Amino acid sequence: MIYKAIVLTCGLLLTVYCERIVQTHCGPVLGHIATDHSIVEYLGIPYAKAPTKSRRWRKPEFLEREDKSCWQGTFKADNFGPLCPQRGDYNEDCLSINVWTPLDVSRQRLKPGKV
């Protein structure tokens, strides 16, 4: 009963309780519970440096804390990343990933993944 009340509250008023933070090699990422209340979304997480200038047309260079290419503080992953170059509006800094996880998954079952 309490769980249902929390989910209902998340959908209506207190979104601060609906946010989820996970740790990555670049620092914390803040996700949020999706509108259907069954999944947590982490949207637009950058995973590589922008493919511009000397990095254009080469394999991605992953973000690293040592060279300060990671974000500072907590990354708020609540919007999709920029569109990659196609027709129309785009941004070359489009190397990001979206992650969806079940809301009720136990942390013991989760395994690290690679992009």
N, C-alpha and C. Protein backbone atom coordinates (compact mmCIF):
# COMPACT_ATOMS: atom_id res chain seq x y z
N MET A 1 0.81 -1.19 0.00
CA MET A 1 0.00 0.00 0.00
C MET A 1 0.86 1.26 0.00
N ILE A 2 1.93 1.27 0.78
CA ILE A 2 2.82 2.43 0.82
C ILE A 2 3.46 2.64 -0.54
N TYR A 3 3.90 1.55 -1.20
CA TYR A 3 4.53 1.65 -2.52
C TYR A 3 3.59 2.32 -3.52
N LYS A 4 2.32 1.93 -3.52
CA LYS A 4 1.35 2.54 -4.44
C LYS A 4 1.19 4.01 -4.14
N ALA A 5 1.21 4.39 -2.88
CA ALA A 5 1.09 5.80 -2.51
C ALA A 5 2.29 6.59 -2.98
N ILE A 6 3.48 6.00 -2.88
CA ILE A 6 4.69 6.69 -3.35
C ILE A 6 4.63 6.88 -4.85
N VAL A 7 4.25 5.86 -5.60
CA VAL A 7 4.15 5.98 -7.05
C VAL A 7 3.13 7.05 -7.43
N LEU A 8 1.99 7.06 -6.77
CA LEU A 8 0.98 8.07 -7.05
C LEU A 8 1.52 9.46 -6.75
N THR A 9 2.23 9.61 -5.64
CA THR A 9 2.83 10.89 -5.28
C THR A 9 3.85 11.31 -6.33
N CYS A 10 4.65 10.36 -6.81
CA CYS A 10 5.66 10.68 -7.82
C CYS A 10 5.02 11.23 -9.07
N GLY A 11 3.92 10.66 -9.47
CA GLY A 11 3.25 11.11 -10.67
C GLY A 11 2.60 12.47 -10.53
N LEU A 12 2.29 12.87 -9.32
CA LEU A 12 1.53 14.10 -9.14
C LEU A 12 2.34 15.26 -8.58
N LEU A 13 3.05 15.05 -7.49
CA LEU A 13 3.61 16.20 -6.80
C LEU A 13 5.11 16.16 -6.54
N LEU A 14 5.56 15.16 -5.85
CA LEU A 14 6.90 15.19 -5.29
C LEU A 14 7.92 14.46 -6.14
N THR A 15 8.30 15.04 -7.26
CA THR A 15 9.22 14.36 -8.16
C THR A 15 10.60 14.19 -7.56
N VAL A 16 10.95 14.96 -6.54
CA VAL A 16 12.26 14.80 -5.92
C VAL A 16 12.45 13.38 -5.39
N TYR A 17 11.37 12.73 -4.92
CA TYR A 17 11.47 11.36 -4.43
C TYR A 17 11.48 10.34 -5.56
N CYS A 18 11.22 10.76 -6.76
CA CYS A 18 11.13 9.85 -7.89
C CYS A 18 12.43 9.78 -8.69
N GLU A 19 13.42 10.53 -8.30
CA GLU A 19 14.67 10.55 -9.05
C GLU A 19 15.59 9.43 -8.56
N ARG A 20 16.38 8.93 -9.46
CA ARG A 20 17.31 7.85 -9.16
C ARG A 20 18.71 8.29 -9.58
N ILE A 21 19.68 8.07 -8.70
CA ILE A 21 21.07 8.40 -9.02
C ILE A 21 21.86 7.11 -9.11
N VAL A 22 22.65 6.98 -10.19
CA VAL A 22 23.57 5.86 -10.35
C VAL A 22 24.97 6.43 -10.53
N GLN A 23 25.96 5.64 -10.14
CA GLN A 23 27.35 6.06 -10.27
C GLN A 23 27.93 5.50 -11.56
N THR A 24 28.67 6.32 -12.29
CA THR A 24 29.37 5.89 -13.50
C THR A 24 30.84 6.27 -13.36
N HIS A 25 31.66 5.86 -14.31
CA HIS A 25 33.08 6.20 -14.24
C HIS A 25 33.30 7.71 -14.37
N CYS A 26 32.33 8.44 -14.90
CA CYS A 26 32.44 9.89 -15.03
C CYS A 26 31.77 10.64 -13.88
N GLY A 27 31.07 9.96 -13.03
CA GLY A 27 30.39 10.61 -11.92
C GLY A 27 28.93 10.22 -11.87
N PRO A 28 28.20 10.80 -10.93
CA PRO A 28 26.79 10.43 -10.75
C PRO A 28 25.90 10.89 -11.89
N VAL A 29 24.88 10.07 -12.18
CA VAL A 29 23.89 10.38 -13.21
C VAL A 29 22.52 10.31 -12.55
N LEU A 30 21.75 11.37 -12.73
CA LEU A 30 20.42 11.47 -12.14
C LEU A 30 19.37 11.11 -13.19
N GLY A 31 18.64 10.03 -12.96
CA GLY A 31 17.54 9.64 -13.83
C GLY A 31 16.22 9.98 -13.18
N HIS A 32 15.14 9.58 -13.83
CA HIS A 32 13.82 9.84 -13.26
C HIS A 32 12.86 8.72 -13.63
N ILE A 33 11.82 8.57 -12.84
CA ILE A 33 10.80 7.56 -13.13
C ILE A 33 9.94 8.05 -14.29
N ALA A 34 9.76 7.19 -15.28
CA ALA A 34 8.97 7.55 -16.46
C ALA A 34 7.50 7.72 -16.09
N THR A 35 6.76 8.33 -16.99
CA THR A 35 5.35 8.64 -16.71
C THR A 35 4.49 7.41 -16.50
N ASP A 36 4.90 6.25 -17.01
CA ASP A 36 4.09 5.05 -16.78
C ASP A 36 4.43 4.37 -15.45
N HIS A 37 5.39 4.91 -14.71
CA HIS A 37 5.76 4.45 -13.37
C HIS A 37 6.32 3.04 -13.32
N SER A 38 6.77 2.48 -14.44
CA SER A 38 7.31 1.12 -14.40
C SER A 38 8.80 1.08 -14.73
N ILE A 39 9.35 2.17 -15.23
CA ILE A 39 10.77 2.19 -15.61
C ILE A 39 11.42 3.48 -15.13
N VAL A 40 12.75 3.41 -15.03
CA VAL A 40 13.56 4.60 -14.75
C VAL A 40 14.30 4.94 -16.03
N GLU A 41 14.27 6.21 -16.42
CA GLU A 41 14.93 6.67 -17.64
C GLU A 41 16.19 7.45 -17.29
N TYR A 42 17.25 7.18 -18.03
CA TYR A 42 18.49 7.95 -17.99
C TYR A 42 18.73 8.35 -19.44
N LEU A 43 18.49 9.60 -19.77
CA LEU A 43 18.48 10.04 -21.16
C LEU A 43 19.65 10.97 -21.48
N GLY A 44 20.22 10.80 -22.67
CA GLY A 44 21.23 11.71 -23.18
C GLY A 44 22.56 11.68 -22.45
N ILE A 45 22.95 10.54 -21.92
CA ILE A 45 24.21 10.45 -21.18
C ILE A 45 25.37 10.43 -22.18
N PRO A 46 26.26 11.42 -22.11
CA PRO A 46 27.40 11.42 -23.04
C PRO A 46 28.36 10.27 -22.71
N TYR A 47 28.86 9.61 -23.75
CA TYR A 47 29.80 8.52 -23.51
C TYR A 47 31.13 8.72 -24.23
N ALA A 48 31.23 9.74 -25.07
CA ALA A 48 32.47 9.98 -25.79
C ALA A 48 32.61 11.48 -26.07
N LYS A 49 33.84 11.87 -26.36
CA LYS A 49 34.11 13.28 -26.69
C LYS A 49 33.47 13.63 -28.02
N ALA A 50 33.18 14.88 -28.20
CA ALA A 50 32.55 15.33 -29.45
C ALA A 50 33.44 14.99 -30.65
N PRO A 51 32.86 14.40 -31.70
CA PRO A 51 33.66 14.02 -32.88
C PRO A 51 33.90 15.23 -33.79
N THR A 52 34.60 16.21 -33.27
CA THR A 52 34.89 17.42 -34.04
C THR A 52 36.40 17.59 -34.19
N LYS A 53 36.79 18.45 -35.12
CA LYS A 53 38.20 18.77 -35.40
C LYS A 53 39.01 17.50 -35.61
N SER A 54 40.04 17.25 -34.78
CA SER A 54 40.93 16.10 -35.01
C SER A 54 40.26 14.77 -34.73
N ARG A 55 39.12 14.77 -34.05
CA ARG A 55 38.41 13.51 -33.76
C ARG A 55 37.40 13.15 -34.84
N ARG A 56 37.20 14.00 -35.81
CA ARG A 56 36.22 13.72 -36.85
C ARG A 56 36.68 12.53 -37.69
N TRP A 57 35.76 11.64 -38.02
CA TRP A 57 35.97 10.45 -38.85
C TRP A 57 36.93 9.46 -38.20
N ARG A 58 36.99 9.45 -36.90
CA ARG A 58 37.81 8.49 -36.16
C ARG A 58 36.93 7.76 -35.14
N LYS A 59 37.45 6.69 -34.57
CA LYS A 59 36.67 5.98 -33.55
C LYS A 59 36.46 6.90 -32.35
N PRO A 60 35.38 6.71 -31.61
CA PRO A 60 35.09 7.57 -30.46
C PRO A 60 36.19 7.53 -29.40
N GLU A 61 36.45 8.68 -28.80
CA GLU A 61 37.36 8.77 -27.66
C GLU A 61 36.48 8.91 -26.43
N PHE A 62 36.52 7.91 -25.57
CA PHE A 62 35.64 7.88 -24.42
C PHE A 62 36.00 8.96 -23.40
N LEU A 63 35.01 9.39 -22.67
CA LEU A 63 35.21 10.41 -21.64
C LEU A 63 36.06 9.83 -20.51
N GLU A 64 36.96 10.64 -20.00
CA GLU A 64 37.85 10.19 -18.92
C GLU A 64 37.95 11.27 -17.85
N ARG A 65 37.94 10.86 -16.60
CA ARG A 65 38.11 11.83 -15.51
C ARG A 65 39.50 12.46 -15.55
N GLU A 66 40.51 11.68 -15.93
CA GLU A 66 41.89 12.16 -15.90
C GLU A 66 42.09 13.39 -16.80
N ASP A 67 41.45 13.41 -17.96
CA ASP A 67 41.62 14.57 -18.86
C ASP A 67 40.49 15.59 -18.73
N LYS A 68 39.68 15.42 -17.69
CA LYS A 68 38.58 16.33 -17.36
C LYS A 68 37.53 16.47 -18.46
N SER A 69 37.35 15.40 -19.25
CA SER A 69 36.31 15.43 -20.30
C SER A 69 34.95 14.98 -19.76
N CYS A 70 34.93 14.47 -18.52
CA CYS A 70 33.66 14.09 -17.88
C CYS A 70 32.94 15.34 -17.39
N TRP A 71 31.67 15.17 -17.05
CA TRP A 71 30.90 16.28 -16.51
C TRP A 71 31.32 16.55 -15.08
N GLN A 72 31.02 17.75 -14.63
CA GLN A 72 31.26 18.15 -13.24
C GLN A 72 29.96 18.00 -12.46
N GLY A 73 30.02 17.46 -11.27
CA GLY A 73 28.82 17.30 -10.46
C GLY A 73 27.98 16.13 -10.95
N THR A 74 26.67 16.23 -10.75
CA THR A 74 25.73 15.18 -11.15
C THR A 74 25.14 15.52 -12.50
N PHE A 75 25.18 14.55 -13.43
CA PHE A 75 24.61 14.74 -14.76
C PHE A 75 23.11 14.49 -14.69
N LYS A 76 22.32 15.47 -15.07
CA LYS A 76 20.86 15.34 -15.04
C LYS A 76 20.42 14.74 -16.38
N ALA A 77 20.07 13.46 -16.36
CA ALA A 77 19.75 12.71 -17.58
C ALA A 77 18.24 12.68 -17.81
N ASP A 78 17.67 13.84 -18.10
CA ASP A 78 16.22 13.92 -18.26
C ASP A 78 15.77 14.34 -19.66
N ASN A 79 16.72 14.50 -20.59
CA ASN A 79 16.38 14.84 -21.98
C ASN A 79 17.23 14.02 -22.93
N PHE A 80 16.68 13.70 -24.09
CA PHE A 80 17.45 13.01 -25.11
C PHE A 80 18.62 13.88 -25.55
N GLY A 81 19.71 13.25 -25.95
CA GLY A 81 20.88 13.99 -26.43
C GLY A 81 20.61 14.62 -27.79
N PRO A 82 21.54 15.45 -28.26
CA PRO A 82 21.38 16.11 -29.56
C PRO A 82 21.28 15.10 -30.70
N LEU A 83 20.57 15.48 -31.76
CA LEU A 83 20.50 14.65 -32.97
C LEU A 83 21.84 14.65 -33.67
N CYS A 84 22.21 13.51 -34.23
CA CYS A 84 23.44 13.43 -35.00
C CYS A 84 23.22 14.04 -36.38
N PRO A 85 24.33 14.41 -37.06
CA PRO A 85 24.20 15.06 -38.36
C PRO A 85 23.37 14.26 -39.36
N GLN A 86 22.34 14.90 -39.83
CA GLN A 86 21.48 14.42 -40.89
C GLN A 86 20.95 15.67 -41.57
N ARG A 87 19.82 15.62 -42.16
CA ARG A 87 19.23 16.83 -42.71
C ARG A 87 18.58 17.64 -41.60
N GLY A 88 18.62 18.94 -41.69
CA GLY A 88 17.97 19.79 -40.70
C GLY A 88 18.87 20.10 -39.52
N ASP A 89 18.25 20.37 -38.38
CA ASP A 89 19.01 20.74 -37.18
C ASP A 89 19.77 19.55 -36.63
N TYR A 90 21.01 19.79 -36.24
CA TYR A 90 21.82 18.75 -35.64
C TYR A 90 22.96 19.36 -34.86
N ASN A 91 23.69 18.50 -34.16
CA ASN A 91 24.83 18.91 -33.37
C ASN A 91 25.85 17.78 -33.48
N GLU A 92 27.10 18.11 -33.82
CA GLU A 92 28.10 17.06 -33.96
C GLU A 92 28.43 16.40 -32.63
N ASP A 93 28.15 17.07 -31.54
CA ASP A 93 28.39 16.49 -30.22
C ASP A 93 27.18 15.64 -29.84
N CYS A 94 27.01 14.52 -30.54
CA CYS A 94 25.79 13.72 -30.39
C CYS A 94 26.05 12.31 -29.88
N LEU A 95 27.22 12.07 -29.33
CA LEU A 95 27.54 10.73 -28.85
C LEU A 95 27.03 10.54 -27.42
N SER A 96 25.75 10.17 -27.35
CA SER A 96 25.12 9.96 -26.05
C SER A 96 24.27 8.70 -26.11
N ILE A 97 23.92 8.21 -24.95
CA ILE A 97 23.16 6.97 -24.88
C ILE A 97 21.96 7.17 -23.95
N ASN A 98 20.89 6.46 -24.23
CA ASN A 98 19.71 6.46 -23.38
C ASN A 98 19.60 5.07 -22.74
N VAL A 99 19.25 5.05 -21.46
CA VAL A 99 19.15 3.79 -20.73
C VAL A 99 17.80 3.75 -20.02
N TRP A 100 17.12 2.62 -20.13
CA TRP A 100 15.87 2.39 -19.40
C TRP A 100 16.06 1.16 -18.54
N THR A 101 15.66 1.24 -17.28
CA THR A 101 15.75 0.09 -16.38
C THR A 101 14.41 -0.14 -15.71
N PRO A 102 14.09 -1.37 -15.36
CA PRO A 102 12.84 -1.61 -14.63
C PRO A 102 12.89 -0.90 -13.28
N LEU A 103 11.79 -0.41 -12.84
CA LEU A 103 11.70 0.31 -11.58
C LEU A 103 12.00 -0.58 -10.39
N ASP A 104 11.54 -1.83 -10.43
CA ASP A 104 11.64 -2.69 -9.26
C ASP A 104 12.80 -3.67 -9.31
N VAL A 105 13.80 -3.42 -10.11
CA VAL A 105 14.94 -4.34 -10.21
C VAL A 105 15.80 -4.21 -8.96
N SER A 106 16.28 -5.34 -8.47
CA SER A 106 17.16 -5.30 -7.30
C SER A 106 18.58 -5.01 -7.78
N ARG A 107 19.31 -4.23 -7.01
CA ARG A 107 20.68 -3.86 -7.39
C ARG A 107 21.60 -5.08 -7.46
N GLN A 108 21.28 -6.15 -6.74
CA GLN A 108 22.12 -7.34 -6.78
C GLN A 108 22.06 -8.03 -8.14
N ARG A 109 20.96 -7.85 -8.88
CA ARG A 109 20.81 -8.50 -10.18
C ARG A 109 21.46 -7.70 -11.30
N LEU A 110 21.74 -6.42 -11.09
CA LEU A 110 22.29 -5.58 -12.15
C LEU A 110 23.75 -5.93 -12.39
N LYS A 111 24.15 -5.91 -13.63
CA LYS A 111 25.54 -6.16 -14.00
C LYS A 111 26.03 -4.98 -14.84
N PRO A 112 27.30 -4.62 -14.70
CA PRO A 112 27.81 -3.52 -15.51
C PRO A 112 27.76 -3.86 -16.99
N GLY A 113 27.55 -2.87 -17.81
CA GLY A 113 27.51 -3.07 -19.25
C GLY A 113 28.50 -2.15 -19.95
N LYS A 114 28.68 -2.36 -21.23
CA LYS A 114 29.56 -1.52 -22.02
C LYS A 114 28.79 -0.97 -23.19
N VAL A 115 29.22 0.19 -23.66
CA VAL A 115 28.62 0.82 -24.84
C VAL A 115 29.34 0.32 -26.05
